[in-house]
Amino acid sequence: MDYAIDVRLGIAKEQMLISGSSLQEIAEQCGFVHYTHFNRLFRSRCGISPSGYRKRLLRQD
């Protein structure tokens, strides 16, 4: 189960970089039914919120 979650979160990270989709849409595309669940898992595994992660990515460009 942990492996599957890590893979889905990895795909979400890629999508945040290359896609203009909203975080809600990205979460749904990666198989998360509820954005709040996605947000909680992302924070716990990555140490930053999805929106914070995306902002950090955009500042690097």
PDB file of N, CA and C in Angstrom:
ATOM      1  N   MET A   1       0.820  -1.190   0.000  1.00  0.00           N
ATOM      2  CA  MET A   1       0.000   0.000   0.000  1.00  0.00           C
ATOM      3  C   MET A   1       0.870   1.262   0.000  1.00  0.00           C
ATOM      4  N   ASP A   2       1.913   1.281   0.815  1.00  0.00           N
ATOM      5  CA  ASP A   2       2.797   2.450   0.862  1.00  0.00           C
ATOM      6  C   ASP A   2       3.453   2.699  -0.490  1.00  0.00           C
ATOM      7  N   TYR A   3       3.845   1.633  -1.155  1.00  0.00           N
ATOM      8  CA  TYR A   3       4.478   1.774  -2.462  1.00  0.00           C
ATOM      9  C   TYR A   3       3.511   2.417  -3.453  1.00  0.00           C
ATOM     10  N   ALA A   4       2.279   1.958  -3.469  1.00  0.00           N
ATOM     11  CA  ALA A   4       1.274   2.499  -4.390  1.00  0.00           C
ATOM     12  C   ALA A   4       1.029   3.982  -4.119  1.00  0.00           C
ATOM     13  N   ILE A   5       0.974   4.354  -2.864  1.00  0.00           N
ATOM     14  CA  ILE A   5       0.772   5.760  -2.510  1.00  0.00           C
ATOM     15  C   ILE A   5       1.966   6.586  -2.974  1.00  0.00           C
ATOM     16  N   ASP A   6       3.163   6.083  -2.748  1.00  0.00           N
ATOM     17  CA  ASP A   6       4.365   6.807  -3.175  1.00  0.00           C
ATOM     18  C   ASP A   6       4.409   6.982  -4.694  1.00  0.00           C
ATOM     19  N   VAL A   7       4.002   5.975  -5.427  1.00  0.00           N
ATOM     20  CA  VAL A   7       3.967   6.074  -6.890  1.00  0.00           C
ATOM     21  C   VAL A   7       2.951   7.126  -7.316  1.00  0.00           C
ATOM     22  N   ARG A   8       1.768   7.089  -6.732  1.00  0.00           N
ATOM     23  CA  ARG A   8       0.727   8.065  -7.080  1.00  0.00           C
ATOM     24  C   ARG A   8       1.152   9.491  -6.729  1.00  0.00           C
ATOM     25  N   LEU A   9       1.830   9.656  -5.595  1.00  0.00           N
ATOM     26  CA  LEU A   9       2.311  10.985  -5.221  1.00  0.00           C
ATOM     27  C   LEU A   9       3.432  11.440  -6.167  1.00  0.00           C
ATOM     28  N   GLY A  10       4.254  10.518  -6.614  1.00  0.00           N
ATOM     29  CA  GLY A  10       5.292  10.845  -7.590  1.00  0.00           C
ATOM     30  C   GLY A  10       4.699  11.326  -8.899  1.00  0.00           C
ATOM     31  N   ILE A  11       3.654  10.670  -9.337  1.00  0.00           N
ATOM     32  CA  ILE A  11       2.963  11.090 -10.564  1.00  0.00           C
ATOM     33  C   ILE A  11       2.350  12.467 -10.361  1.00  0.00           C
ATOM     34  N   ALA A  12       1.775  12.696  -9.192  1.00  0.00           N
ATOM     35  CA  ALA A  12       1.197  14.004  -8.887  1.00  0.00           C
ATOM     36  C   ALA A  12       2.269  15.093  -8.945  1.00  0.00           C
ATOM     37  N   LYS A  13       3.444  14.813  -8.414  1.00  0.00           N
ATOM     38  CA  LYS A  13       4.546  15.788  -8.461  1.00  0.00           C
ATOM     39  C   LYS A  13       4.913  16.117  -9.899  1.00  0.00           C
ATOM     40  N   GLU A  14       4.991  15.099 -10.742  1.00  0.00           N
ATOM     41  CA  GLU A  14       5.296  15.324 -12.155  1.00  0.00           C
ATOM     42  C   GLU A  14       4.238  16.190 -12.811  1.00  0.00           C
ATOM     43  N   GLN A  15       2.975  15.888 -12.507  1.00  0.00           N
ATOM     44  CA  GLN A  15       1.871  16.648 -13.089  1.00  0.00           C
ATOM     45  C   GLN A  15       1.882  18.108 -12.636  1.00  0.00           C
ATOM     46  N   MET A  16       2.284  18.352 -11.399  1.00  0.00           N
ATOM     47  CA  MET A  16       2.370  19.735 -10.906  1.00  0.00           C
ATOM     48  C   MET A  16       3.403  20.521 -11.703  1.00  0.00           C
ATOM     49  N   LEU A  17       4.428  19.833 -12.179  1.00  0.00           N
ATOM     50  CA  LEU A  17       5.493  20.479 -12.934  1.00  0.00           C
ATOM     51  C   LEU A  17       5.079  20.744 -14.378  1.00  0.00           C
ATOM     52  N   ILE A  18       4.409  19.796 -15.011  1.00  0.00           N
ATOM     53  CA  ILE A  18       4.155  19.906 -16.451  1.00  0.00           C
ATOM     54  C   ILE A  18       2.726  20.298 -16.813  1.00  0.00           C
ATOM     55  N   SER A  19       1.815  20.228 -15.862  1.00  0.00           N
ATOM     56  CA  SER A  19       0.408  20.444 -16.157  1.00  0.00           C
ATOM     57  C   SER A  19      -0.078  21.761 -15.566  1.00  0.00           C
ATOM     58  N   GLY A  20      -1.022  22.350 -16.233  1.00  0.00           N
ATOM     59  CA  GLY A  20      -1.668  23.554 -15.709  1.00  0.00           C
ATOM     60  C   GLY A  20      -2.938  23.228 -14.948  1.00  0.00           C
ATOM     61  N   SER A  21      -3.189  21.949 -14.724  1.00  0.00           N
ATOM     62  CA  SER A  21      -4.398  21.515 -14.024  1.00  0.00           C
ATOM     63  C   SER A  21      -4.368  21.963 -12.565  1.00  0.00           C
ATOM     64  N   SER A  22      -5.547  22.092 -11.988  1.00  0.00           N
ATOM     65  CA  SER A  22      -5.628  22.444 -10.572  1.00  0.00           C
ATOM     66  C   SER A  22      -5.141  21.266  -9.727  1.00  0.00           C
ATOM     67  N   LEU A  23      -4.793  21.553  -8.502  1.00  0.00           N
ATOM     68  CA  LEU A  23      -4.346  20.488  -7.601  1.00  0.00           C
ATOM     69  C   LEU A  23      -5.459  19.485  -7.363  1.00  0.00           C
ATOM     70  N   GLN A  24      -6.688  19.945  -7.311  1.00  0.00           N
ATOM     71  CA  GLN A  24      -7.849  19.060  -7.150  1.00  0.00           C
ATOM     72  C   GLN A  24      -7.921  18.079  -8.321  1.00  0.00           C
ATOM     73  N   GLU A  25      -7.758  18.595  -9.533  1.00  0.00           N
ATOM     74  CA  GLU A  25      -7.798  17.739 -10.726  1.00  0.00           C
ATOM     75  C   GLU A  25      -6.638  16.750 -10.739  1.00  0.00           C
ATOM     76  N   ILE A  26      -5.472  17.198 -10.365  1.00  0.00           N
ATOM     77  CA  ILE A  26      -4.301  16.321 -10.320  1.00  0.00           C
ATOM     78  C   ILE A  26      -4.527  15.202  -9.316  1.00  0.00           C
ATOM     79  N   ALA A  27      -5.050  15.554  -8.146  1.00  0.00           N
ATOM     80  CA  ALA A  27      -5.333  14.540  -7.122  1.00  0.00           C
ATOM     81  C   ALA A  27      -6.302  13.492  -7.667  1.00  0.00           C
ATOM     82  N   GLU A  28      -7.348  13.940  -8.334  1.00  0.00           N
ATOM     83  CA  GLU A  28      -8.334  13.008  -8.894  1.00  0.00           C
ATOM     84  C   GLU A  28      -7.718  12.131  -9.982  1.00  0.00           C
ATOM     85  N   GLN A  29      -6.891  12.725 -10.836  1.00  0.00           N
ATOM     86  CA  GLN A  29      -6.241  11.968 -11.908  1.00  0.00           C
ATOM     87  C   GLN A  29      -5.294  10.906 -11.356  1.00  0.00           C
ATOM     88  N   CYS A  30      -4.774  11.143 -10.171  1.00  0.00           N
ATOM     89  CA  CYS A  30      -3.836  10.196  -9.549  1.00  0.00           C
ATOM     90  C   CYS A  30      -4.547   9.193  -8.649  1.00  0.00           C
ATOM     91  N   GLY A  31      -5.872   9.221  -8.654  1.00  0.00           N
ATOM     92  CA  GLY A  31      -6.636   8.205  -7.948  1.00  0.00           C
ATOM     93  C   GLY A  31      -7.078   8.556  -6.541  1.00  0.00           C
ATOM     94  N   PHE A  32      -6.923   9.808  -6.147  1.00  0.00           N
ATOM     95  CA  PHE A  32      -7.378  10.222  -4.820  1.00  0.00           C
ATOM     96  C   PHE A  32      -8.793  10.765  -4.941  1.00  0.00           C
ATOM     97  N   VAL A  33      -9.719  10.172  -4.211  1.00  0.00           N
ATOM     98  CA  VAL A  33     -11.123  10.554  -4.288  1.00  0.00           C
ATOM     99  C   VAL A  33     -11.346  11.909  -3.630  1.00  0.00           C
ATOM    100  N   HIS A  34     -10.681  12.142  -2.509  1.00  0.00           N
ATOM    101  CA  HIS A  34     -10.858  13.384  -1.758  1.00  0.00           C
ATOM    102  C   HIS A  34      -9.561  14.166  -1.741  1.00  0.00           C
ATOM    103  N   TYR A  35      -9.648  15.448  -2.086  1.00  0.00           N
ATOM    104  CA  TYR A  35      -8.457  16.291  -2.091  1.00  0.00           C
ATOM    105  C   TYR A  35      -7.851  16.386  -0.695  1.00  0.00           C
ATOM    106  N   THR A  36      -8.681  16.411   0.332  1.00  0.00           N
ATOM    107  CA  THR A  36      -8.149  16.525   1.694  1.00  0.00           C
ATOM    108  C   THR A  36      -7.263  15.327   2.045  1.00  0.00           C
ATOM    109  N   HIS A  37      -7.642  14.159   1.581  1.00  0.00           N
ATOM    110  CA  HIS A  37      -6.832  12.957   1.820  1.00  0.00           C
ATOM    111  C   HIS A  37      -5.494  13.076   1.078  1.00  0.00           C
ATOM    112  N   PHE A  38      -5.558  13.504  -0.165  1.00  0.00           N
ATOM    113  CA  PHE A  38      -4.351  13.727  -0.961  1.00  0.00           C
ATOM    114  C   PHE A  38      -3.445  14.740  -0.266  1.00  0.00           C
ATOM    115  N   ASN A  39      -4.023  15.846   0.174  1.00  0.00           N
ATOM    116  CA  ASN A  39      -3.267  16.906   0.831  1.00  0.00           C
ATOM    117  C   ASN A  39      -2.574  16.387   2.091  1.00  0.00           C
ATOM    118  N   ARG A  40      -3.301  15.627   2.898  1.00  0.00           N
ATOM    119  CA  ARG A  40      -2.749  15.075   4.139  1.00  0.00           C
ATOM    120  C   ARG A  40      -1.596  14.113   3.853  1.00  0.00           C
ATOM    121  N   LEU A  41      -1.793  13.217   2.893  1.00  0.00           N
ATOM    122  CA  LEU A  41      -0.730  12.269   2.534  1.00  0.00           C
ATOM    123  C   LEU A  41       0.483  12.976   1.949  1.00  0.00           C
ATOM    124  N   PHE A  42       0.241  13.947   1.093  1.00  0.00           N
ATOM    125  CA  PHE A  42       1.339  14.675   0.469  1.00  0.00           C
ATOM    126  C   PHE A  42       2.176  15.369   1.535  1.00  0.00           C
ATOM    127  N   ARG A  43       1.509  16.041   2.464  1.00  0.00           N
ATOM    128  CA  ARG A  43       2.213  16.739   3.548  1.00  0.00           C
ATOM    129  C   ARG A  43       3.040  15.769   4.398  1.00  0.00           C
ATOM    130  N   SER A  44       2.442  14.640   4.741  1.00  0.00           N
ATOM    131  CA  SER A  44       3.138  13.700   5.620  1.00  0.00           C
ATOM    132  C   SER A  44       4.329  13.032   4.921  1.00  0.00           C
ATOM    133  N   ARG A  45       4.220  12.780   3.620  1.00  0.00           N
ATOM    134  CA  ARG A  45       5.293  12.094   2.888  1.00  0.00           C
ATOM    135  C   ARG A  45       6.361  13.049   2.363  1.00  0.00           C
ATOM    136  N   CYS A  46       5.949  14.273   2.029  1.00  0.00           N
ATOM    137  CA  CYS A  46       6.879  15.202   1.378  1.00  0.00           C
ATOM    138  C   CYS A  46       7.321  16.352   2.285  1.00  0.00           C
ATOM    139  N   GLY A  47       6.627  16.539   3.394  1.00  0.00           N
ATOM    140  CA  GLY A  47       7.005  17.598   4.326  1.00  0.00           C
ATOM    141  C   GLY A  47       6.577  18.986   3.914  1.00  0.00           C
ATOM    142  N   ILE A  48       5.736  19.082   2.899  1.00  0.00           N
ATOM    143  CA  ILE A  48       5.259  20.367   2.401  1.00  0.00           C
ATOM    144  C   ILE A  48       3.882  20.143   1.777  1.00  0.00           C
ATOM    145  N   SER A  49       3.061  21.171   1.764  1.00  0.00           N
ATOM    146  CA  SER A  49       1.734  21.031   1.158  1.00  0.00           C
ATOM    147  C   SER A  49       1.872  20.967  -0.363  1.00  0.00           C
ATOM    148  N   PRO A  50       0.872  20.417  -1.042  1.00  0.00           N
ATOM    149  CA  PRO A  50       0.930  20.390  -2.506  1.00  0.00           C
ATOM    150  C   PRO A  50       1.045  21.792  -3.110  1.00  0.00           C
ATOM    151  N   SER A  51       0.315  22.754  -2.557  1.00  0.00           N
ATOM    152  CA  SER A  51       0.390  24.111  -3.102  1.00  0.00           C
ATOM    153  C   SER A  51       1.764  24.723  -2.845  1.00  0.00           C
ATOM    154  N   GLY A  52       2.338  24.474  -1.691  1.00  0.00           N
ATOM    155  CA  GLY A  52       3.685  24.952  -1.397  1.00  0.00           C
ATOM    156  C   GLY A  52       4.717  24.327  -2.318  1.00  0.00           C
ATOM    157  N   TYR A  53       4.546  23.049  -2.599  1.00  0.00           N
ATOM    158  CA  TYR A  53       5.455  22.334  -3.502  1.00  0.00           C
ATOM    159  C   TYR A  53       5.384  22.940  -4.898  1.00  0.00           C
ATOM    160  N   ARG A  54       4.167  23.189  -5.362  1.00  0.00           N
ATOM    161  CA  ARG A  54       3.993  23.764  -6.702  1.00  0.00           C
ATOM    162  C   ARG A  54       4.590  25.175  -6.770  1.00  0.00           C
ATOM    163  N   LYS A  55       4.369  25.967  -5.736  1.00  0.00           N
ATOM    164  CA  LYS A  55       4.942  27.321  -5.718  1.00  0.00           C
ATOM    165  C   LYS A  55       6.463  27.267  -5.760  1.00  0.00           C
ATOM    166  N   ARG A  56       7.040  26.329  -5.026  1.00  0.00           N
ATOM    167  CA  ARG A  56       8.497  26.164  -5.018  1.00  0.00           C
ATOM    168  C   ARG A  56       8.983  25.787  -6.422  1.00  0.00           C
ATOM    169  N   LEU A  57       8.245  24.913  -7.109  1.00  0.00           N
ATOM    170  CA  LEU A  57       8.617  24.521  -8.469  1.00  0.00           C
ATOM    171  C   LEU A  57       8.572  25.711  -9.408  1.00  0.00           C
ATOM    172  N   LEU A  58       7.538  26.535  -9.288  1.00  0.00           N
ATOM    173  CA  LEU A  58       7.372  27.663 -10.183  1.00  0.00           C
ATOM    174  C   LEU A  58       8.447  28.724  -9.956  1.00  0.00           C
ATOM    175  N   ARG A  59       8.929  28.862  -8.731  1.00  0.00           N
ATOM    176  CA  ARG A  59       9.985  29.844  -8.443  1.00  0.00           C
ATOM    177  C   ARG A  59      11.314  29.425  -9.056  1.00  0.00           C
ATOM    178  N   GLN A  60      11.506  28.129  -9.275  1.00  0.00           N
ATOM    179  CA  GLN A  60      12.765  27.636  -9.819  1.00  0.00           C
ATOM    180  C   GLN A  60      12.895  27.923 -11.305  1.00  0.00           C
ATOM    181  N   ASP A  61      11.772  28.137 -11.960  1.00  0.00           N
ATOM    182  CA  ASP A  61      11.811  28.368 -13.427  1.00  0.00           C
ATOM    183  C   ASP A  61      12.273  29.743 -13.783  1.00  0.00           C
TER     184      ASP A  61
END
